Protein backbone atom coordinates (compact mmCIF):
# COMPACT_ATOMS: atom_id res chain seq x y z
CA MET A 1 0.22 0.00 0.24
CA ALA A 2 1.08 3.29 -1.03
CA VAL A 3 1.67 6.03 1.99
CA ILE A 4 2.61 9.51 1.99
CA ALA A 5 5.45 11.29 3.18
CA GLY A 6 5.50 13.44 6.57
CA ARG A 7 6.99 14.47 9.94
CA ASN A 8 4.21 14.38 12.41
CA HIS A 9 5.13 11.09 14.68
CA SER A 10 4.51 12.51 18.15
CA ASP A 11 1.67 10.11 18.24
CA PRO A 12 1.88 7.44 15.75
CA TYR A 13 -0.58 5.35 17.06
CA TYR A 14 -2.70 5.71 13.30
CA ALA A 15 0.22 5.07 11.36
CA VAL A 16 1.46 1.78 13.16
CA THR A 17 -2.24 0.57 13.33
CA ALA A 18 -1.90 1.27 9.31
CA LEU A 19 1.09 -0.84 9.01
CA LEU A 20 -0.43 -3.51 10.85
CA ALA A 21 -3.30 -3.28 8.97
CA ALA A 22 -1.05 -3.46 5.69
CA ARG A 23 0.50 -6.66 6.78
CA ASP A 24 -2.60 -8.40 7.84
CA LEU A 25 -1.27 -8.36 11.90
CA GLN A 26 -3.91 -6.79 13.26
CA THR A 27 -5.72 -9.53 14.82
CA GLN A 28 -2.58 -11.50 15.88
CA THR A 29 -1.36 -8.10 17.39
CA ARG A 30 -4.90 -7.55 19.48
CA ARG A 31 -4.75 -11.13 20.96
CA LEU A 32 -1.27 -11.00 22.16
CA VAL A 33 -1.85 -7.57 23.45
CA ALA A 34 -5.29 -9.36 25.33
CA VAL A 35 -3.19 -11.98 26.72
CA VAL A 36 -0.53 -10.13 28.32
CA ILE A 37 -2.59 -7.83 29.56
CA ALA A 38 -4.91 -10.70 31.21
CA GLY A 39 -1.59 -12.29 32.29
CA LEU A 40 -0.36 -9.19 33.88
CA GLY A 41 -3.57 -8.25 35.46
CA VAL A 42 -3.94 -11.58 37.44
CA LEU A 43 -0.21 -12.06 38.74
CA PRO A 44 -1.33 -9.77 41.97
CA VAL A 45 -3.85 -12.22 42.60
CA GLY A 46 -2.36 -14.92 42.59
CA LEU A 47 0.32 -13.95 45.21
CA ILE A 48 -2.37 -13.66 47.60
CA GLY A 49 -1.71 -15.88 50.59
CA THR A 50 2.05 -16.10 50.01
CA SER A 51 4.39 -14.65 52.44
CA ALA A 52 5.76 -12.00 49.16
CA GLY A 53 2.31 -11.13 48.53
CA PRO A 54 -0.48 -8.69 49.72
CA ARG A 55 -1.32 -9.71 52.99
CA GLY A 56 -4.26 -6.66 54.16
CA SER A 57 -7.64 -7.24 53.69
CA LEU A 58 -7.61 -3.81 51.41
CA ASP A 59 -4.45 -4.68 49.63
CA GLN A 60 -5.95 -7.84 48.60
CA VAL A 61 -9.37 -6.23 47.59
CA ILE A 62 -7.04 -3.92 45.58
CA ALA A 63 -5.53 -6.90 43.92
CA VAL A 64 -8.81 -8.40 42.78
CA VAL A 65 -10.08 -5.18 41.22
CA ILE A 66 -6.59 -4.93 39.28
CA ALA A 67 -7.10 -8.34 37.75
CA GLY A 68 -10.52 -7.60 36.87
CA SER A 69 -9.83 -3.81 35.14
CA ALA A 70 -6.87 -5.92 33.05
CA LEU A 71 -9.47 -8.82 31.91
CA VAL A 72 -11.94 -5.45 31.13
CA MET A 73 -9.39 -4.30 28.77
CA ALA A 74 -8.23 -7.58 27.84
CA MET A 75 -12.05 -7.75 26.36
CA ARG A 76 -12.01 -4.52 24.36
CA TRP A 77 -8.84 -5.82 22.76
CA LEU A 78 -10.36 -9.17 22.05
CA GLY A 79 -13.67 -7.43 20.57
CA ASP A 80 -14.70 -6.09 16.97
CA GLY A 81 -12.44 -3.23 15.72
CA TRP A 82 -9.08 -1.87 16.49
CA PRO A 83 -9.64 0.66 20.06
CA SER A 84 -9.61 4.24 19.14
CA LEU A 85 -6.64 6.63 20.09
CA LEU A 86 -8.47 7.70 23.17
CA GLU A 87 -9.29 4.21 23.98
CA SER A 88 -5.63 3.27 23.85
CA ARG A 89 -4.22 6.29 25.55
CA VAL A 90 -6.25 6.07 28.62
CA GLY A 91 -5.90 1.91 28.44
CA ALA A 92 -2.25 3.09 28.98
CA ALA A 93 -2.24 5.33 31.72
CA VAL A 94 -4.57 3.29 33.28
CA GLY A 95 -1.92 0.02 33.06
CA ALA A 96 1.08 2.39 33.97
CA VAL A 97 -1.41 2.97 37.25
CA GLY A 98 -2.28 -0.69 37.72
CA ILE A 99 1.42 -1.47 37.53
CA GLY A 100 2.21 1.01 39.95
CA VAL A 101 -0.30 -0.11 42.45
CA ALA A 102 0.09 -4.20 42.02
CA CYS A 103 3.98 -3.57 42.69
CA LEU A 104 3.38 -1.05 46.20
CA ILE A 105 1.12 -3.67 47.60
CA GLU A 106 3.38 -6.85 47.66
CA THR A 107 4.41 -7.32 51.20
CA ASP A 108 7.79 -7.76 49.78
CA PRO A 109 9.68 -4.87 48.21
CA LEU A 110 12.00 -6.90 46.28
CA CYS A 111 9.03 -9.07 44.75
CA GLY A 112 7.37 -5.61 43.65
CA VAL A 113 10.72 -4.75 42.25
CA LEU A 114 10.35 -8.07 40.27
CA GLY A 115 6.95 -7.05 38.85
CA ALA A 116 8.26 -3.85 37.85
CA GLY A 117 9.61 -5.45 35.14
CA ALA A 118 6.39 -5.18 33.95
CA PHE A 119 6.75 -1.49 32.86
CA VAL A 120 9.25 -3.04 30.11
CA VAL A 121 6.25 -4.29 28.71
CA LEU A 122 4.04 -1.69 29.00
CA GLY A 123 6.76 1.06 27.91
CA THR A 124 7.28 -1.01 24.66
CA TYR A 125 3.72 -0.48 23.72
CA ILE A 126 3.70 3.41 24.73
CA ALA A 127 6.90 4.14 22.78
CA CYS A 128 5.69 2.14 19.84
CA ALA A 129 1.66 3.46 19.89
CA HIS A 130 2.06 6.53 21.63
CA GLY A 131 3.77 10.15 22.14
CA ARG A 132 5.31 12.48 24.81
CA ALA A 133 2.18 13.03 26.67
CA SER A 134 1.39 8.99 27.27
CA LEU A 135 5.19 8.87 28.18
CA ALA A 136 4.88 11.10 30.84
CA VAL A 137 2.60 8.98 32.15
CA TYR A 138 4.45 5.80 32.21
CA TRP A 139 7.69 7.47 33.47
CA THR A 140 5.68 9.27 36.24
CA ALA A 141 4.29 6.27 37.57
CA VAL A 142 7.90 4.49 37.04
CA ALA A 143 9.14 6.66 39.10
CA ILE A 144 7.20 6.85 41.77
CA THR A 145 6.78 3.12 42.27
CA ILE A 146 10.63 2.64 41.74
CA GLY A 147 11.08 5.35 44.58
CA VAL A 148 8.73 3.81 47.20
CA LEU A 149 10.11 -0.08 46.45
CA ALA A 150 13.87 1.56 46.82
CA SER A 151 13.20 3.60 49.68
CA ARG A 152 12.12 0.31 51.73
CA ILE A 153 14.40 -1.96 50.97
CA ALA A 154 17.01 1.14 51.89
CA VAL A 155 15.98 0.25 55.34
CA HIS A 156 17.35 -3.04 55.34
CA ASP A 157 20.34 -3.14 52.60
CA PHE A 158 20.70 0.51 50.97
CA ALA A 159 23.20 -0.97 48.27
CA LEU A 160 20.58 -3.38 47.06
CA ALA A 161 18.11 -0.62 46.80
CA ILE A 162 20.34 1.73 44.54
CA PHE A 163 20.85 -1.49 42.10
CA SER A 164 17.40 -2.44 42.11
CA ALA A 165 16.28 1.29 41.03
CA ILE A 166 19.26 1.67 38.84
CA LEU A 167 18.38 -1.85 36.85
CA ILE A 168 15.12 -1.16 36.58
CA VAL A 169 15.50 2.23 34.77
CA LEU A 170 18.37 1.67 32.91
CA THR A 171 16.26 -1.21 31.70
CA ASN A 172 12.88 0.77 30.71
CA LEU A 173 14.82 3.30 29.40
CA ALA A 174 16.86 1.10 26.59
CA VAL A 175 13.80 -0.36 25.31
CA VAL A 176 11.87 2.60 25.13
CA ALA A 177 14.67 4.32 23.24
CA ALA A 178 14.99 1.17 20.51
CA CYS A 179 11.30 0.87 20.39
CA ARG A 180 10.89 4.50 19.45
CA THR A 181 14.10 4.81 17.17
CA ALA A 182 12.53 1.63 15.49
CA VAL A 183 9.05 3.21 14.99
CA ARG A 184 10.53 6.35 13.58
CA LEU A 185 12.54 4.36 10.82
CA ALA A 186 8.80 2.52 10.03
CA VAL A 187 7.15 5.31 9.54
CA THR A 188 8.99 7.71 8.19
CA ASP A 189 6.89 7.59 4.91
CA ILE A 190 3.26 7.39 6.83
CA ASP A 191 1.50 10.68 7.98
CA PRO A 192 -1.16 9.83 10.30
CA ALA A 193 -3.23 12.38 8.61
CA GLY A 194 -3.33 10.88 5.47
CA ILE A 195 -4.47 7.39 6.99
CA ASP A 196 -8.00 6.26 7.33
CA PRO A 197 -8.02 4.48 11.05
CA ALA A 198 -10.67 2.06 10.39
CA THR A 199 -9.12 0.15 7.25
CA GLY A 200 -5.48 1.52 7.30
CA LEU A 201 -5.87 2.78 3.77
CA LEU A 202 -5.40 6.36 2.21
CA ASN A 203 -8.40 9.00 3.33
CA ARG A 204 -9.58 10.70 0.05
CA ASP A 205 -6.75 13.86 0.41
CA ALA A 206 -4.11 11.09 0.73
CA PHE A 207 -5.53 9.43 -2.55
CA TYR A 208 -5.18 12.83 -4.59
CA ALA A 209 -1.84 13.05 -3.31
CA GLN A 210 -0.50 10.31 -3.90
CA THR A 211 -1.81 9.32 -7.17
CA ALA A 212 -0.68 12.74 -8.16
CA THR A 213 3.11 11.43 -7.53
CA LEU A 214 2.51 8.55 -8.89
CA LEU A 215 1.47 10.20 -12.08
CA GLY A 216 4.52 12.45 -11.77
CA ALA A 217 6.94 9.39 -11.39
CA ARG A 218 5.69 8.50 -14.64
CA SER A 219 6.92 9.99 -18.19
CA ARG A 220 3.48 10.33 -20.13
CA LEU A 221 4.95 9.30 -23.60
CA GLU A 222 5.32 5.94 -22.31
CA ASP A 223 2.91 3.69 -23.18
CA ARG A 224 1.28 3.26 -20.35
CA PHE A 225 -2.31 3.89 -18.97
CA LEU A 226 -4.04 5.45 -15.86
CA THR A 227 -6.88 3.27 -14.58
CA VAL A 228 -9.18 4.40 -12.02
CA VAL A 229 -11.52 1.98 -10.33
CA ALA A 230 -14.31 2.83 -8.10
CA VAL A 231 -15.41 -0.08 -6.09
CA GLY A 232 -19.08 0.14 -3.98
CA PHE A 233 -20.10 -2.76 -2.39
CA ASP A 234 -23.82 -3.64 -2.65
CA ASP A 235 -26.04 -3.42 0.48
CA VAL A 236 -26.24 -6.52 2.64
CA SER A 237 -28.93 -5.56 4.70
CA PRO A 238 -27.89 -6.42 8.24
CA LYS A 239 -29.98 -6.22 11.24
CA PRO A 240 -30.37 -2.70 12.71
CA ASP A 241 -28.46 -4.06 16.18
CA ALA A 242 -25.72 -5.42 14.16
CA ALA A 243 -25.58 -2.51 11.51
CA GLU A 244 -22.49 -0.88 12.57
CA ARG A 245 -20.54 -4.17 13.64
CA GLU A 246 -21.49 -5.42 10.20
CA THR A 247 -20.39 -2.05 8.54
CA ILE A 248 -17.03 -2.58 10.37
CA ARG A 249 -16.53 -5.85 9.21
CA ILE A 250 -17.17 -4.71 5.50
CA GLN A 251 -14.97 -2.49 5.40
CA THR A 252 -11.88 -4.29 7.52
CA GLY A 253 -12.76 -7.20 4.94
CA ALA A 254 -12.82 -5.52 2.03
CA ALA A 255 -9.52 -2.96 3.05
CA GLN A 256 -7.74 -6.76 3.76
CA VAL A 257 -8.95 -7.98 0.21
CA LEU A 258 -7.75 -5.02 -1.91
CA ARG A 259 -4.43 -5.33 -0.29
CA GLU A 260 -3.98 -8.73 -1.29
CA THR A 261 -5.10 -8.40 -4.51
CA LEU A 262 -3.28 -5.11 -6.08
CA ARG A 263 -0.31 -4.43 -6.77
CA SER A 264 2.30 -2.69 -4.27
CA ASP A 265 2.59 0.49 -6.47
CA ALA A 266 -1.39 0.58 -6.87
CA VAL A 267 -2.90 3.56 -4.90
CA VAL A 268 -6.49 2.51 -2.84
CA ALA A 269 -8.12 4.44 -0.54
CA ARG A 270 -11.83 4.31 1.40
CA PHE A 271 -13.68 7.34 0.29
CA THR A 272 -17.16 6.62 2.45
CA GLU A 273 -18.13 3.84 4.14
CA ARG A 274 -18.24 1.07 1.32
CA GLU A 275 -16.62 2.76 -1.26
CA PHE A 276 -12.75 2.47 -2.24
CA ILE A 277 -11.54 3.92 -5.15
CA ILE A 278 -8.22 2.66 -6.64
CA ALA A 279 -5.29 4.09 -9.32
CA GLU A 280 -3.02 2.71 -11.20
CA VAL A 281 -1.06 2.83 -14.38
CA LEU A 282 -1.02 -0.31 -16.42
CA ALA A 283 0.79 -1.43 -19.19
CA SER A 284 -2.33 -2.34 -20.99
CA ASP A 285 -5.05 -0.79 -22.17
CA ASP A 286 -7.77 -3.50 -21.13
CA PRO A 287 -8.04 -3.44 -17.08
CA THR A 288 -10.70 -6.27 -17.32
CA PRO A 289 -7.97 -8.90 -15.50
CA LEU A 290 -7.55 -6.37 -12.89
CA VAL A 291 -11.15 -5.41 -12.46
CA ASP A 292 -12.29 -9.54 -12.63
CA ARG A 293 -9.26 -9.90 -9.85
CA ILE A 294 -11.42 -7.60 -7.56
CA ARG A 295 -14.25 -9.13 -8.33
CA SER A 296 -13.33 -12.86 -7.54
CA ALA A 297 -11.50 -11.66 -4.60
CA ILE A 298 -14.82 -9.75 -2.91
CA ARG A 299 -16.80 -13.02 -4.20
CA THR A 300 -14.70 -15.19 -2.29
CA THR A 301 -14.61 -13.31 1.53
CA PRO A 302 -16.08 -14.95 4.08
CA LEU A 303 -18.94 -12.05 3.94
CA ARG A 304 -19.28 -13.41 0.36
CA LEU A 305 -20.00 -9.38 -0.84
CA THR A 306 -20.69 -8.21 -4.03
CA ALA A 307 -19.88 -4.99 -5.50
CA SER A 308 -20.91 -2.17 -8.21
CA ILE A 309 -17.80 -1.23 -10.05
CA GLY A 310 -17.11 1.20 -12.12
CA VAL A 311 -13.93 1.90 -14.18
CA VAL A 312 -12.04 4.71 -16.62
CA SER A 313 -8.84 3.85 -18.52
CA HIS A 314 -6.88 6.56 -20.86
CA PRO A 315 -3.70 6.31 -22.12
CA LEU A 316 -0.95 8.53 -20.23
CA ALA A 317 0.31 10.18 -23.68
CA ALA A 318 -3.58 11.93 -24.33
CA LEU A 319 -3.49 13.59 -20.89
CA SER A 320 0.08 15.01 -20.69
CA ALA A 321 -1.45 18.57 -21.35
CA ASP A 322 -3.46 18.52 -18.35
CA PRO A 323 -2.63 18.92 -14.88
CA PRO A 324 -2.60 16.16 -12.58
CA TYR A 325 -5.07 16.89 -10.05
CA ASP A 326 -7.36 17.87 -12.87
CA VAL A 327 -7.28 14.37 -14.40
CA ILE A 328 -7.52 12.53 -11.31
CA HIS A 329 -10.79 14.57 -10.42
CA THR A 330 -11.93 13.93 -13.49
CA PHE A 331 -11.46 10.15 -13.50
CA VAL A 332 -12.50 9.79 -9.87
CA ALA A 333 -15.53 11.23 -10.93
CA LEU A 334 -16.26 9.39 -14.06
CA ALA A 335 -15.29 6.16 -12.22
CA ARG A 336 -17.70 7.16 -9.02
CA ASN A 337 -20.41 7.68 -11.59
CA ALA A 338 -20.46 4.52 -13.35
CA ALA A 339 -20.43 2.66 -10.04
CA PHE A 340 -23.42 4.37 -8.99
CA ASP A 341 -25.26 3.37 -12.23
CA ALA A 342 -23.87 -0.29 -12.14
CA ARG A 343 -26.04 -0.18 -8.43
CA VAL A 344 -28.95 1.37 -9.69
CA GLU A 345 -29.49 -1.20 -12.42
CA GLY A 346 -29.65 -4.10 -9.50
CA GLY A 347 -25.52 -4.38 -8.67
CA ASP A 348 -23.01 -6.65 -8.73
CA ARG A 349 -21.79 -5.08 -12.43
CA VAL A 350 -18.97 -3.81 -13.82
CA HIS A 351 -19.67 -0.34 -16.02
CA TYR A 352 -16.58 0.82 -18.10
CA ILE A 353 -16.17 4.25 -19.21
CA ASP A 354 -15.41 4.76 -23.02
CA ARG A 355 -11.87 6.19 -22.80
CA ASP A 356 -12.84 9.21 -25.17
CA THR A 357 -15.85 10.00 -23.04
CA ALA A 358 -13.30 10.09 -20.14
CA SER A 359 -10.89 12.29 -21.91
CA GLY A 360 -13.57 14.98 -22.51
CA ALA A 361 -15.51 14.71 -19.74
CA GLU A 362 -16.34 17.45 -16.93
CA ALA A 363 -15.54 15.86 -13.31
CA ASP A 364 -19.56 16.42 -12.56
CA PRO A 365 -20.36 14.21 -9.53
CA ALA A 366 -24.06 14.62 -11.06
CA GLN A 367 -23.02 14.01 -14.77
CA ARG A 368 -23.84 10.62 -15.94
CA PRO A 369 -21.44 9.91 -18.86
CA VAL A 370 -21.71 8.19 -21.80
CA GLU A 371 -20.36 4.74 -21.02
CA THR A 372 -20.03 1.15 -22.28
CA ASP A 373 -21.92 -1.59 -20.45
CA GLU A 374 -20.75 -4.50 -18.99
CA SER A 375 -22.49 -6.29 -17.01
CA VAL A 376 -21.52 -9.34 -15.11
CA ALA A 377 -24.15 -11.24 -12.83
């Protein structure tokens, strides 16, 4: 999936989300995060009744509350859809506080220091997904927790207290710094503002910019053809109480299908809830093989979807005198109009726009261009 250059990495949550989505790693990541949260959350409860764990009634109640909160957060990660930026920020803050409290309620401060190793796990996540505000909350929790535990250890062994504090701080510092560096390297070419958070694809503005870059990188004298495809998924009529969940499933499923089907240099974006636009420069004047691949992939998804598709293709050489954004705007409007007409005629059809019509048509969304109709039931 093509991406856009950008420098805003203060909070790379959606950029990282897009990378995971592009590599079909979101599901595995959600499951891993859920398992880690649940596992760390129940540890304080497991220590109840031991010589090192929480002994007082209040401390034991706190341990149970921490475990319950962790299980709730784990279930959210196992639910439908990727958590929003706000949900992730709140979860990270709650996690930092939870780890700190869980360490402080242990009877043995050395056990608390051992538990503070969980900060490394949380720090890895925050360093990869969030910016300075979340890191500030995280480091505050680390500092308070280690400071209190070290003071308790120092009563009996000052050197051990210093060693424990330095070990935890340096470990967290090294991991966080390494993860921040890795993320900066990974998202150098991604602007979060250009990413659709629901699918990890480009949004409308980013599509125009990226397609303009694609055209600029090609010699318009080459024997190549600009092809724009509008894919509008037909209605599946979900039950009212499941409409939002079904829409999310369609969006994420369709995005993944398109990523797997299209070439790496294709530009693909989500324009509306169920409409995706694709731009690609082809060596052939016949876009049918591309469209057939898209339709076949859509039909074989678990959702068994159908789509109304509009296609416009034209030689690059004939477009050499036109500004790139004007060309893109015209082609997108024509393709969307064609997809709309295909849906009006019953859906699950493909409309191919005549190339001569495409070169001279105005990009008016209300216009219905002259077209050749290839309907595939």
